[in-house]
N, C-alpha and C. Protein backbone atom coordinates (compact mmCIF):
# COMPACT_ATOMS: atom_id res chain seq x y z
N MET A 1 -7.06 20.94 4.23
CA MET A 1 -6.95 20.09 3.01
C MET A 1 -5.43 19.57 3.08
N HIS A 2 -5.17 18.35 2.80
CA HIS A 2 -3.99 17.92 2.85
C HIS A 2 -3.22 18.07 1.58
N GLN A 3 -1.95 18.48 1.43
CA GLN A 3 -1.39 18.43 0.01
C GLN A 3 -0.79 17.17 -0.28
N PHE A 4 -1.06 16.67 -1.45
CA PHE A 4 -0.61 15.35 -1.98
C PHE A 4 0.81 15.57 -2.42
N VAL A 5 1.83 14.71 -2.00
CA VAL A 5 3.26 14.86 -2.64
C VAL A 5 3.41 13.55 -3.19
N PRO A 6 3.73 13.59 -4.38
CA PRO A 6 4.03 12.30 -5.31
C PRO A 6 5.31 11.52 -4.68
N MET A 7 5.25 10.23 -4.92
CA MET A 7 6.53 9.52 -4.49
C MET A 7 7.66 9.62 -5.29
N SER A 8 8.98 9.74 -4.59
CA SER A 8 10.20 9.96 -5.25
C SER A 8 10.81 8.56 -5.71
N THR A 9 11.79 8.54 -6.52
CA THR A 9 12.15 7.33 -6.99
C THR A 9 12.64 6.34 -5.70
N PHE A 10 13.35 7.05 -4.83
CA PHE A 10 13.67 6.30 -3.55
C PHE A 10 12.45 5.55 -2.89
N GLU A 11 11.60 6.37 -2.65
CA GLU A 11 10.35 5.85 -2.15
C GLU A 11 9.68 4.74 -2.91
N LYS A 12 9.84 4.89 -4.13
CA LYS A 12 9.11 3.86 -5.01
C LYS A 12 10.23 2.53 -5.01
N VAL A 13 11.49 2.58 -4.68
CA VAL A 13 12.20 1.43 -4.60
C VAL A 13 11.92 0.63 -3.37
N CYS A 14 11.68 1.48 -2.29
CA CYS A 14 11.44 0.96 -0.90
C CYS A 14 10.14 0.35 -1.12
N ALA A 15 9.07 0.80 -1.65
CA ALA A 15 7.69 0.44 -1.79
C ALA A 15 7.77 -1.02 -2.45
N ALA A 16 8.61 -0.96 -3.42
CA ALA A 16 8.62 -2.18 -4.16
C ALA A 16 9.21 -3.29 -3.35
N PHE A 17 10.22 -3.02 -2.63
CA PHE A 17 10.73 -4.15 -1.52
C PHE A 17 9.66 -4.49 -0.65
N ALA A 18 8.75 -3.47 -0.12
CA ALA A 18 7.82 -3.87 0.79
C ALA A 18 6.55 -4.55 0.36
N ILE A 19 6.34 -4.33 -1.12
CA ILE A 19 5.27 -4.94 -1.72
C ILE A 19 5.69 -6.46 -1.79
N LEU A 20 6.82 -6.81 -2.08
CA LEU A 20 7.32 -8.14 -2.33
C LEU A 20 7.39 -8.70 -1.09
N LEU A 21 7.73 -8.12 0.01
CA LEU A 21 7.73 -8.56 1.49
C LEU A 21 6.33 -8.87 1.84
N GLY A 22 5.45 -7.91 1.44
CA GLY A 22 3.99 -8.15 1.88
C GLY A 22 3.32 -9.20 1.06
N GLY A 23 3.74 -9.45 -0.32
CA GLY A 23 3.08 -10.38 -1.17
C GLY A 23 3.73 -11.89 -0.55
N GLY A 24 4.94 -11.81 -0.04
CA GLY A 24 5.44 -13.19 0.56
C GLY A 24 4.49 -13.63 1.74
N LEU A 25 4.35 -12.49 2.50
CA LEU A 25 3.42 -12.70 3.80
C LEU A 25 2.20 -13.25 3.17
N MET A 26 1.55 -12.53 2.22
CA MET A 26 0.13 -12.88 1.82
C MET A 26 0.27 -14.40 1.41
N LEU A 27 1.18 -14.73 0.64
CA LEU A 27 1.11 -16.09 0.11
C LEU A 27 1.31 -17.07 1.31
N LEU A 28 2.28 -16.83 2.15
CA LEU A 28 2.27 -17.70 3.30
C LEU A 28 1.08 -17.73 4.17
N GLY A 29 0.36 -16.77 4.24
CA GLY A 29 -0.91 -16.60 4.96
C GLY A 29 -1.88 -17.48 4.40
N ALA A 30 -2.09 -17.29 3.06
CA ALA A 30 -3.03 -18.16 2.05
C ALA A 30 -2.75 -19.62 2.32
N VAL A 31 -1.44 -20.14 2.33
CA VAL A 31 -1.13 -21.53 2.32
C VAL A 31 -1.42 -21.92 3.84
N GLY A 32 -0.83 -21.12 4.62
CA GLY A 32 -1.08 -21.27 6.17
C GLY A 32 -2.53 -21.57 6.49
N LEU A 33 -3.41 -20.92 5.97
CA LEU A 33 -4.90 -21.01 6.35
C LEU A 33 -5.11 -22.58 6.40
N PHE A 34 -4.82 -23.31 5.28
CA PHE A 34 -5.10 -24.62 5.23
C PHE A 34 -3.99 -25.64 5.77
N LEU A 35 -2.69 -25.32 5.56
CA LEU A 35 -1.50 -26.25 6.01
C LEU A 35 -0.75 -25.70 7.21
N GLY A 36 -1.33 -24.62 7.87
CA GLY A 36 -0.40 -24.25 8.77
C GLY A 36 0.97 -23.49 8.21
N SER A 37 1.58 -22.70 8.92
CA SER A 37 2.77 -22.06 8.39
C SER A 37 3.96 -22.30 9.28
N SER A 38 4.99 -22.31 8.72
CA SER A 38 6.42 -22.48 9.45
C SER A 38 7.41 -21.60 8.78
N ALA A 39 7.74 -20.52 9.47
CA ALA A 39 8.79 -19.54 8.79
C ALA A 39 9.55 -18.90 10.12
N ASN A 40 10.32 -19.55 10.90
CA ASN A 40 10.90 -19.07 12.00
C ASN A 40 9.95 -19.07 13.09
N PHE A 41 8.60 -19.37 12.84
CA PHE A 41 7.63 -19.51 13.77
C PHE A 41 6.65 -20.57 13.34
N THR A 42 5.87 -21.07 14.11
CA THR A 42 4.99 -22.25 13.71
C THR A 42 3.53 -21.96 14.15
N LEU A 43 2.52 -21.89 13.32
CA LEU A 43 1.24 -21.61 13.55
C LEU A 43 0.40 -22.70 13.18
N PRO A 44 -0.65 -23.14 13.75
CA PRO A 44 -1.57 -24.17 13.30
C PRO A 44 -2.28 -23.80 12.08
N PRO A 45 -3.04 -24.60 11.59
CA PRO A 45 -3.65 -24.47 10.31
C PRO A 45 -4.70 -23.24 10.30
N VAL A 46 -5.51 -23.02 11.42
CA VAL A 46 -6.45 -21.88 11.29
C VAL A 46 -5.69 -20.48 11.51
N LEU A 47 -4.86 -20.64 12.50
CA LEU A 47 -4.11 -19.39 12.81
C LEU A 47 -3.08 -19.02 11.52
N GLY A 48 -2.82 -19.94 10.83
CA GLY A 48 -1.79 -19.76 9.81
C GLY A 48 -2.12 -18.69 8.92
N VAL A 49 -3.20 -18.28 8.85
CA VAL A 49 -3.77 -17.13 8.04
C VAL A 49 -3.20 -15.70 8.50
N ALA A 50 -2.81 -15.45 9.59
CA ALA A 50 -2.30 -14.40 10.42
C ALA A 50 -1.29 -13.65 9.50
N PRO A 51 -0.23 -14.24 8.88
CA PRO A 51 0.68 -13.58 7.95
C PRO A 51 0.03 -12.94 6.74
N PHE A 52 -0.93 -13.51 6.36
CA PHE A 52 -1.82 -12.94 5.18
C PHE A 52 -2.12 -11.47 5.45
N PHE A 53 -2.75 -11.29 6.68
CA PHE A 53 -3.30 -9.84 7.07
C PHE A 53 -2.07 -8.82 7.29
N PHE A 54 -0.92 -9.36 7.87
CA PHE A 54 0.23 -8.36 7.81
C PHE A 54 0.65 -8.05 6.38
N GLY A 55 0.62 -9.13 5.49
CA GLY A 55 0.96 -8.82 4.19
C GLY A 55 -0.05 -7.94 3.47
N TYR A 56 -1.22 -8.14 3.82
CA TYR A 56 -2.17 -7.18 3.23
C TYR A 56 -2.09 -5.80 3.64
N GLY A 57 -1.77 -5.65 4.88
CA GLY A 57 -1.67 -4.45 5.40
C GLY A 57 -0.52 -3.64 5.16
N ILE A 58 0.47 -4.37 4.36
CA ILE A 58 1.63 -3.81 3.90
C ILE A 58 1.45 -3.38 2.39
N CYS A 59 0.88 -4.27 1.66
CA CYS A 59 0.66 -4.19 0.17
C CYS A 59 -0.43 -3.24 -0.18
N ILE A 60 -1.39 -3.15 0.28
CA ILE A 60 -2.71 -2.49 -0.22
C ILE A 60 -2.45 -0.95 -0.01
N PRO A 61 -2.11 -0.42 1.05
CA PRO A 61 -1.77 1.11 1.22
C PRO A 61 -0.61 1.47 0.28
N LEU A 62 0.19 0.70 0.09
CA LEU A 62 1.48 1.02 -0.90
C LEU A 62 1.11 1.09 -2.25
N VAL A 63 0.30 0.12 -2.82
CA VAL A 63 -0.14 -0.02 -4.04
C VAL A 63 -1.22 1.13 -4.28
N ARG A 64 -1.96 1.45 -3.55
CA ARG A 64 -2.96 2.71 -3.62
C ARG A 64 -2.08 3.98 -3.64
N TYR A 65 -1.17 4.12 -3.02
CA TYR A 65 -0.44 5.39 -2.89
C TYR A 65 0.44 5.52 -4.11
N TRP A 66 0.89 4.30 -4.54
CA TRP A 66 1.74 4.33 -5.83
C TRP A 66 1.01 4.93 -7.08
N ARG A 67 -0.40 4.27 -6.95
CA ARG A 67 -1.34 4.53 -8.18
C ARG A 67 -1.66 6.01 -8.04
N MET A 68 -1.86 6.59 -6.83
CA MET A 68 -2.29 8.08 -6.75
C MET A 68 -1.18 8.86 -7.15
N SER A 69 0.27 8.33 -7.06
CA SER A 69 1.34 9.15 -7.34
C SER A 69 1.57 9.10 -8.73
N ASN A 70 0.91 8.21 -9.51
CA ASN A 70 1.06 8.05 -11.17
C ASN A 70 -0.01 8.77 -11.93
N ALA A 71 -1.10 9.03 -11.08
CA ALA A 71 -2.33 9.71 -11.63
C ALA A 71 -1.81 11.18 -11.98
N PRO A 72 -2.45 11.69 -13.05
CA PRO A 72 -2.42 13.28 -13.37
C PRO A 72 -2.83 14.03 -12.41
N PRO A 73 -2.23 15.19 -12.06
CA PRO A 73 -2.83 15.95 -10.86
C PRO A 73 -4.01 16.54 -11.48
N SER A 74 -4.83 16.81 -10.37
CA SER A 74 -6.05 17.47 -10.70
C SER A 74 -6.01 18.94 -10.46
N PRO A 75 -6.81 19.81 -11.42
CA PRO A 75 -6.70 21.23 -11.39
C PRO A 75 -7.14 21.70 -9.95
N PRO A 76 -6.56 22.87 -9.64
CA PRO A 76 -6.96 23.60 -8.34
C PRO A 76 -8.22 23.83 -8.23
N PRO A 77 -9.03 23.66 -7.17
CA PRO A 77 -10.47 24.17 -7.06
C PRO A 77 -10.56 25.73 -7.09
N ASN A 78 -11.70 26.21 -7.62
CA ASN A 78 -11.99 27.70 -7.68
C ASN A 78 -12.16 28.11 -6.48
N ARG A 79 -12.02 29.48 -6.17
CA ARG A 79 -12.38 29.97 -4.90
C ARG A 79 -13.76 30.45 -5.05
N GLU A 80 -14.26 30.86 -3.77
CA GLU A 80 -15.65 31.28 -3.74
C GLU A 80 -15.89 32.66 -4.40
N ASP A 81 -14.99 33.49 -4.71
CA ASP A 81 -15.28 34.59 -5.47
C ASP A 81 -15.07 34.51 -6.93
N GLY A 82 -14.88 33.31 -7.45
CA GLY A 82 -15.00 32.81 -8.85
C GLY A 82 -13.50 32.91 -9.37
N ALA A 83 -12.51 33.46 -8.66
CA ALA A 83 -11.15 33.63 -9.34
C ALA A 83 -10.43 32.26 -9.11
N ARG A 84 -9.70 31.90 -9.91
CA ARG A 84 -8.98 30.61 -9.94
C ARG A 84 -7.87 30.84 -8.87
N SER A 85 -7.67 29.90 -8.16
CA SER A 85 -6.74 29.78 -7.08
C SER A 85 -5.24 29.48 -7.46
N ASP A 86 -5.06 28.98 -8.74
CA ASP A 86 -3.70 28.86 -9.16
C ASP A 86 -3.02 30.14 -9.59
N LEU A 87 -3.86 31.26 -9.82
CA LEU A 87 -3.22 32.55 -10.48
C LEU A 87 -2.93 33.46 -9.18
N VAL A 88 -3.25 33.16 -7.88
CA VAL A 88 -2.97 33.86 -6.72
C VAL A 88 -1.57 33.73 -6.31
């Protein structure tokens, strides 16, 4: 079982910048689907949606991890012999 480590302040600042970058790519991809996109590269209208998927791949995992980091910790599970594992 993996131990969950909450995000530090530095990680939250970096995640905020990455979410902004991903949001920009998602916006570029949403517009690029219909009009094409041009930002140091040019994509035709149908392929213009590609930046959206890169932005989605950046934003969604970071937002989920951030929410997990803010959630209250769950109590440790009980051991098989009935004793609480946090007392050992």
